[in-house]
Amino acid sequence: MEFGIIGAGLAGLACAELLVATGHSVRIFDKGRGPGGRMSTRRIDTPQGQASFDHGAQFCTARHAGFAAQIADWTKRGVTAPWPDAGPDAHVGVPGMSALVADLAQRHDVHFGTLVKGLVRDPASGGWWMVIDGNRLGPFDAVIVATPAEQAAPLLSLHAFPMAREAAGVTSDACWTMMLAFDAPLDLPWTVHRATGPDATIAWAARNSAKPGRADPRSGAPDCWVVQAGAAWSRQHLERDATDIAGLLRDEFTALAGKALPEPLVATAHRWRFARPASRSAMALWEGSLRLGACGDWLSEPTVEGAWASGQALASTILARAKAA
């Protein structure tokens, strides 16, 4: 079959991997400018060179054999590397977290900068068409929606109400993230800080430059830090201006450091409106009579591994049911 997949995040790409490996063809469409999504790497030019920030997912771990094998393959090829600062089983993408998604995307027919606004099904043939820029693209034998739940619900609602209801029932915590870069390494006794309680203003702070494969600030590169606010604080300040948020989180980071900090080269904030979904534990959704499915971390667990596992689970379900038919 020919599959159309909406969303080139890790879930959609992991699904594509298994479908293509078993002889199906896949075209993937993503509204973003490039691979990454919540695994994006932000790069900002400074007078001391480019500053790089993993401003979404910070690292990944593997609890299950399938994803452990994927990380082993990535590590063997230099796509990932261990980062002991975040834990004994933590791995990061090299040179940024987006490397994981980019590695899979380059093996498939992915169209970035393409917003799918709707789906149309031909009742006679059962084929699917995607509505893009007012035009219809297709037909596809099957469609997979691999976007955050809040974006999946309207795409599914006209065709599979039970699936749309699952997506609509998901709530996601937002997260304000601040990116800081300094012209010399900060003198702090720690590389990674995790909050000790759910109401902490800063849930995570880490020296991004300490990750493997990043430019070393001891050699003159910017010293890059990522600071992520807690869910309650982010929700309370959700609609604030990014400039205001950067100032507030900069003050909080200074307090956390316990000392005055130098003027940064970069101090900017980014809002992840759908950062951490409250997952439904369904792994994946597939309606065989419609040939319509959904996958994503909102169906498994809000982790890098959860997204990958959901995509693989959906592809496995599709293949198993096709074999049984």
Protein backbone atom coordinates (compact mmCIF):
# COMPACT_ATOMS: atom_id res chain seq x y z
CA MET A 1 0.00 0.00 0.00
CA GLU A 2 0.93 3.65 -0.30
CA PHE A 3 0.78 5.43 3.05
CA GLY A 4 0.55 9.13 3.71
CA ILE A 5 1.92 10.12 7.13
CA ILE A 6 1.19 13.50 8.68
CA GLY A 7 4.02 14.43 11.04
CA ALA A 8 7.75 13.81 10.64
CA GLY A 9 8.53 13.47 14.32
CA LEU A 10 9.97 10.33 15.81
CA ALA A 11 6.60 8.53 15.95
CA GLY A 12 5.78 9.06 12.28
CA LEU A 13 9.31 8.19 11.18
CA ALA A 14 9.47 5.05 13.34
CA CYS A 15 6.20 3.92 11.80
CA ALA A 16 7.55 4.61 8.31
CA GLU A 17 10.71 2.62 9.04
CA LEU A 18 8.80 -0.61 9.63
CA LEU A 19 6.28 -0.08 6.82
CA VAL A 20 8.99 0.58 4.23
CA ALA A 21 11.04 -2.36 5.47
CA THR A 22 8.10 -4.64 4.68
CA GLY A 23 7.59 -3.34 1.14
CA HIS A 24 5.08 -0.50 1.52
CA SER A 25 5.68 3.00 0.17
CA VAL A 26 5.42 6.07 2.37
CA ARG A 27 5.25 9.84 1.89
CA ILE A 28 5.56 12.02 4.97
CA PHE A 29 4.38 15.61 5.40
CA ASP A 30 5.35 18.00 8.18
CA LYS A 31 4.53 21.65 8.76
CA GLY A 32 7.98 22.35 10.26
CA ARG A 33 10.92 23.73 8.35
CA GLY A 34 13.07 20.72 9.15
CA PRO A 35 13.35 17.61 11.32
CA GLY A 36 13.03 17.87 15.06
CA GLY A 37 9.74 19.09 16.51
CA ARG A 38 10.12 18.76 20.26
CA MET A 39 13.55 17.24 19.55
CA SER A 40 14.70 20.37 17.74
CA THR A 41 18.13 21.94 18.06
CA ARG A 42 18.11 25.76 18.01
CA ARG A 43 21.20 27.49 16.61
CA ILE A 44 21.84 31.20 17.17
CA ASP A 45 24.77 33.22 15.82
CA THR A 46 26.84 35.19 18.35
CA PRO A 47 30.07 37.23 18.15
CA GLN A 48 31.86 34.11 19.47
CA GLY A 49 30.39 31.73 16.94
CA GLN A 50 27.21 29.74 16.82
CA ALA A 51 25.40 28.86 20.04
CA SER A 52 23.54 25.55 19.99
CA PHE A 53 20.65 24.52 22.26
CA ASP A 54 18.58 21.35 22.62
CA HIS A 55 15.60 23.39 23.73
CA GLY A 56 13.06 20.57 23.72
CA ALA A 57 13.87 16.97 24.66
CA GLN A 58 17.11 16.91 26.63
CA PHE A 59 18.13 13.26 26.33
CA CYS A 60 16.66 9.80 25.84
CA THR A 61 16.77 6.50 27.67
CA ALA A 62 15.77 2.97 26.65
CA ARG A 63 13.74 0.65 28.87
CA HIS A 64 12.71 -1.80 26.16
CA ALA A 65 14.75 -4.00 23.86
CA GLY A 66 13.53 -2.50 20.59
CA PHE A 67 14.51 1.06 21.38
CA ALA A 68 17.72 -0.11 23.07
CA ALA A 69 18.67 -1.74 19.77
CA GLN A 70 17.87 1.49 17.92
CA ILE A 71 20.07 3.52 20.29
CA ALA A 72 22.85 0.93 19.94
CA ASP A 73 22.70 1.35 16.16
CA TRP A 74 22.69 5.15 16.44
CA THR A 75 25.62 5.08 18.86
CA LYS A 76 27.61 2.76 16.61
CA ARG A 77 27.14 5.22 13.73
CA GLY A 78 27.85 8.31 15.86
CA VAL A 79 24.27 9.62 15.80
CA THR A 80 23.97 9.35 19.61
CA ALA A 81 26.41 9.24 22.50
CA PRO A 82 26.10 8.56 26.25
CA TRP A 83 25.70 11.61 28.53
CA PRO A 84 26.45 10.42 32.06
CA ASP A 85 25.72 13.85 33.56
CA ALA A 86 21.99 13.16 33.08
CA GLY A 87 22.16 9.55 34.31
CA PRO A 88 23.92 6.26 33.61
CA ASP A 89 21.55 5.33 30.79
CA ALA A 90 21.09 8.78 29.20
CA HIS A 91 21.95 9.32 25.55
CA VAL A 92 21.90 12.47 23.42
CA GLY A 93 21.93 13.16 19.71
CA VAL A 94 25.18 14.33 18.12
CA PRO A 95 25.66 17.18 17.39
CA GLY A 96 22.11 17.91 18.63
CA MET A 97 18.98 16.02 19.67
CA SER A 98 17.52 16.67 16.23
CA ALA A 99 20.14 14.25 14.85
CA LEU A 100 17.93 11.29 15.80
CA VAL A 101 15.02 12.55 13.73
CA ALA A 102 17.27 13.75 10.90
CA ASP A 103 18.87 10.31 10.62
CA LEU A 104 15.52 8.64 10.05
CA ALA A 105 14.10 11.43 7.88
CA GLN A 106 16.92 11.27 5.34
CA ARG A 107 15.91 7.68 4.52
CA HIS A 108 12.35 8.60 3.55
CA ASP A 109 10.33 10.82 1.22
CA VAL A 110 9.69 13.70 3.63
CA HIS A 111 8.11 17.02 2.64
CA PHE A 112 8.82 19.76 5.19
CA GLY A 113 7.04 23.10 5.28
CA THR A 114 3.81 21.36 4.30
CA LEU A 115 0.74 21.94 6.45
CA VAL A 116 -2.04 19.37 6.03
CA LYS A 117 -5.28 21.16 6.87
CA GLY A 118 -7.73 18.34 6.28
CA LEU A 119 -8.42 14.83 5.05
CA VAL A 120 -10.94 13.73 2.41
CA ARG A 121 -11.90 10.11 1.79
CA ASP A 122 -13.35 8.84 -1.47
CA PRO A 123 -16.22 6.56 -0.39
CA ALA A 124 -16.13 4.66 -3.68
CA SER A 125 -12.46 3.70 -3.72
CA GLY A 126 -11.65 4.18 -0.07
CA GLY A 127 -8.66 6.30 -1.05
CA TRP A 128 -7.49 9.29 0.98
CA TRP A 129 -6.65 12.81 -0.12
CA MET A 130 -4.81 15.43 1.90
CA VAL A 131 -5.86 19.08 1.75
CA ILE A 132 -2.71 21.19 1.35
CA ASP A 133 -2.79 24.91 0.43
CA GLY A 134 -6.36 24.53 -0.81
CA ASN A 135 -5.42 21.65 -3.12
CA ARG A 136 -5.86 17.91 -2.76
CA LEU A 137 -2.88 15.58 -2.79
CA GLY A 138 -3.32 11.84 -3.26
CA PRO A 139 -4.75 9.36 -3.39
CA PHE A 140 -3.22 7.33 -0.57
CA ASP A 141 -4.33 3.83 0.36
CA ALA A 142 -4.00 4.69 4.05
CA VAL A 143 -3.25 7.70 6.22
CA ILE A 144 -1.46 7.93 9.56
CA VAL A 145 -1.73 10.99 11.79
CA ALA A 146 1.47 11.33 13.82
CA THR A 147 1.01 14.78 15.34
CA PRO A 148 0.37 16.00 18.92
CA ALA A 149 -3.09 15.06 20.16
CA GLU A 150 -4.36 18.63 19.97
CA GLN A 151 -3.54 18.72 16.25
CA ALA A 152 -4.64 15.15 15.55
CA ALA A 153 -8.18 15.57 16.91
CA PRO A 154 -9.52 17.91 14.18
CA LEU A 155 -7.94 15.83 11.40
CA LEU A 156 -9.58 12.66 12.72
CA SER A 157 -12.92 14.10 13.80
CA LEU A 158 -14.78 13.94 10.47
CA HIS A 159 -13.82 10.33 9.80
CA ALA A 160 -13.23 8.37 13.02
CA PHE A 161 -15.00 9.91 15.99
CA PRO A 162 -13.75 7.36 18.57
CA MET A 163 -10.15 8.10 17.56
CA ALA A 164 -10.81 11.84 17.62
CA ARG A 165 -12.36 11.51 21.06
CA GLU A 166 -9.20 9.78 22.30
CA ALA A 167 -7.09 12.65 20.99
CA ALA A 168 -9.43 15.34 22.28
CA GLY A 169 -9.32 13.82 25.75
CA VAL A 170 -5.58 14.33 26.06
CA THR A 171 -4.27 17.34 27.94
CA SER A 172 -0.68 18.51 27.60
CA ASP A 173 1.48 20.47 29.99
CA ALA A 174 3.14 23.51 28.46
CA CYS A 175 6.78 24.35 29.01
CA TRP A 176 8.61 27.65 28.79
CA THR A 177 12.25 27.11 27.85
CA MET A 178 15.02 29.69 28.11
CA MET A 179 18.26 29.55 26.15
CA LEU A 180 21.30 31.31 27.60
CA ALA A 181 24.81 31.65 26.17
CA PHE A 182 27.82 33.28 27.83
CA ASP A 183 31.21 34.34 26.49
CA ALA A 184 33.06 32.15 29.04
CA PRO A 185 32.20 29.00 31.02
CA LEU A 186 30.08 29.71 34.10
CA ASP A 187 31.75 28.75 37.35
CA LEU A 188 29.04 26.49 38.76
CA PRO A 189 29.49 23.27 40.75
CA TRP A 190 26.94 21.37 38.67
CA THR A 191 26.15 20.64 35.03
CA VAL A 192 22.58 19.40 35.47
CA HIS A 193 19.93 20.59 37.92
CA ARG A 194 16.61 18.81 38.38
CA ALA A 195 13.76 20.19 40.45
CA THR A 196 13.07 18.52 43.77
CA GLY A 197 9.33 19.28 43.74
CA PRO A 198 6.45 19.65 41.26
CA ASP A 199 5.96 23.35 42.00
CA ALA A 200 9.53 24.47 41.34
CA THR A 201 9.86 27.37 38.92
CA ILE A 202 12.87 25.76 37.24
CA ALA A 203 12.29 22.06 36.54
CA TRP A 204 15.53 21.54 34.62
CA ALA A 205 18.71 23.47 33.95
CA ALA A 206 21.71 22.06 32.11
CA ARG A 207 24.91 23.12 30.41
CA ASN A 208 24.12 22.15 26.83
CA SER A 209 27.78 22.66 25.95
CA ALA A 210 28.69 19.72 28.23
CA LYS A 211 26.92 17.23 26.00
CA PRO A 212 29.07 15.06 23.71
CA GLY A 213 29.79 16.51 20.28
CA ARG A 214 29.10 20.13 21.25
CA ALA A 215 31.54 23.01 20.80
CA ASP A 216 33.73 23.34 23.90
CA PRO A 217 33.48 26.76 25.63
CA ARG A 218 37.00 26.23 26.99
CA SER A 219 38.15 26.64 23.40
CA GLY A 220 36.32 29.94 22.94
CA ALA A 221 32.87 28.71 21.90
CA PRO A 222 29.80 30.11 23.70
CA ASP A 223 28.86 28.43 26.98
CA CYS A 224 25.26 27.34 26.28
CA TRP A 225 22.60 26.59 28.90
CA VAL A 226 19.00 25.37 28.64
CA VAL A 227 16.57 26.25 31.43
CA GLN A 228 13.08 24.72 31.44
CA ALA A 229 10.30 25.95 33.70
CA GLY A 230 8.04 23.65 35.65
CA ALA A 231 4.56 22.77 34.39
CA ALA A 232 2.65 24.83 36.96
CA TRP A 233 4.79 27.93 36.39
CA SER A 234 4.57 27.54 32.60
CA ARG A 235 0.79 27.20 32.79
CA GLN A 236 0.52 30.27 34.99
CA HIS A 237 2.58 32.33 32.52
CA LEU A 238 1.44 30.63 29.33
CA GLU A 239 0.34 33.74 27.44
CA ARG A 240 3.13 36.05 28.60
CA ASP A 241 5.45 37.60 26.04
CA ALA A 242 8.64 35.60 25.38
CA THR A 243 10.81 38.62 26.22
CA ASP A 244 9.17 38.92 29.65
CA ILE A 245 9.58 35.18 30.24
CA ALA A 246 13.27 35.34 29.37
CA GLY A 247 13.76 38.07 31.98
CA LEU A 248 11.85 36.17 34.67
CA LEU A 249 13.65 32.88 34.05
CA ARG A 250 17.00 34.63 33.86
CA ASP A 251 16.38 36.01 37.36
CA GLU A 252 15.38 32.56 38.60
CA PHE A 253 18.49 30.99 37.06
CA THR A 254 20.67 33.64 38.74
CA ALA A 255 19.04 32.78 42.07
CA LEU A 256 19.63 29.09 41.42
CA ALA A 257 23.29 29.77 40.65
CA GLY A 258 23.60 31.67 43.91
CA LYS A 259 25.78 34.38 42.43
CA ALA A 260 25.70 37.27 39.99
CA LEU A 261 26.10 36.09 36.41
CA PRO A 262 27.77 37.91 33.51
CA GLU A 263 25.75 39.53 30.75
CA PRO A 264 24.72 36.76 28.34
CA LEU A 265 25.40 36.66 24.63
CA VAL A 266 21.96 35.06 24.18
CA ALA A 267 18.90 35.19 26.43
CA THR A 268 15.74 34.09 24.65
CA ALA A 269 12.66 32.03 25.50
CA HIS A 270 10.56 29.53 23.57
CA ARG A 271 7.09 28.28 24.50
CA TRP A 272 6.24 24.63 23.97
CA ARG A 273 2.47 24.75 24.19
CA PHE A 274 2.09 20.96 23.95
CA ALA A 275 5.26 19.83 25.70
CA ARG A 276 4.23 16.87 27.84
CA PRO A 277 0.99 15.02 27.06
CA ALA A 278 -0.90 13.03 29.65
CA SER A 279 -0.75 9.78 27.70
CA ARG A 280 -3.66 7.40 27.12
CA SER A 281 -1.69 4.11 27.30
CA ALA A 282 -3.18 2.81 24.05
CA MET A 283 0.20 2.74 22.22
CA ALA A 284 -1.44 3.35 18.82
CA LEU A 285 -4.84 3.58 17.08
CA TRP A 286 -5.82 1.86 13.84
CA GLU A 287 -9.21 1.62 12.14
CA GLY A 288 -8.73 -1.07 9.52
CA SER A 289 -12.05 -0.50 7.74
CA LEU A 290 -11.02 3.10 7.06
CA ARG A 291 -7.28 2.48 6.77
CA LEU A 292 -6.71 5.38 9.15
CA GLY A 293 -4.39 5.40 12.14
CA ALA A 294 -2.74 7.58 14.76
CA CYS A 295 0.46 7.36 16.76
CA GLY A 296 2.52 9.59 19.03
CA ASP A 297 3.80 9.94 22.56
CA TRP A 298 0.30 11.01 23.65
CA LEU A 299 -0.71 7.38 23.14
CA SER A 300 2.19 5.76 24.99
CA GLU A 301 4.35 7.90 27.29
CA PRO A 302 5.72 11.45 26.98
CA THR A 303 9.31 10.43 26.23
CA VAL A 304 11.52 10.02 23.19
CA GLU A 305 11.23 6.26 23.59
CA GLY A 306 7.45 6.57 23.92
CA ALA A 307 7.14 8.33 20.57
CA TRP A 308 9.32 5.75 18.82
CA ALA A 309 7.47 2.83 20.43
CA SER A 310 4.07 4.20 19.41
CA GLY A 311 5.11 4.51 15.77
CA GLN A 312 6.52 0.98 15.75
CA ALA A 313 3.41 -0.37 17.49
CA LEU A 314 1.11 1.15 14.87
CA ALA A 315 3.11 -0.30 12.00
CA SER A 316 3.16 -3.71 13.70
CA THR A 317 -0.61 -3.59 14.16
CA ILE A 318 -1.17 -2.68 10.51
CA LEU A 319 1.10 -5.48 9.30
CA ALA A 320 -0.40 -8.07 11.64
CA ARG A 321 -3.97 -7.30 10.64
CA ALA A 322 -3.08 -7.29 6.94
CA LYS A 323 -1.51 -10.71 7.35
CA ALA A 324 -4.56 -12.05 9.18
CA ALA A 325 -7.01 -10.72 6.60
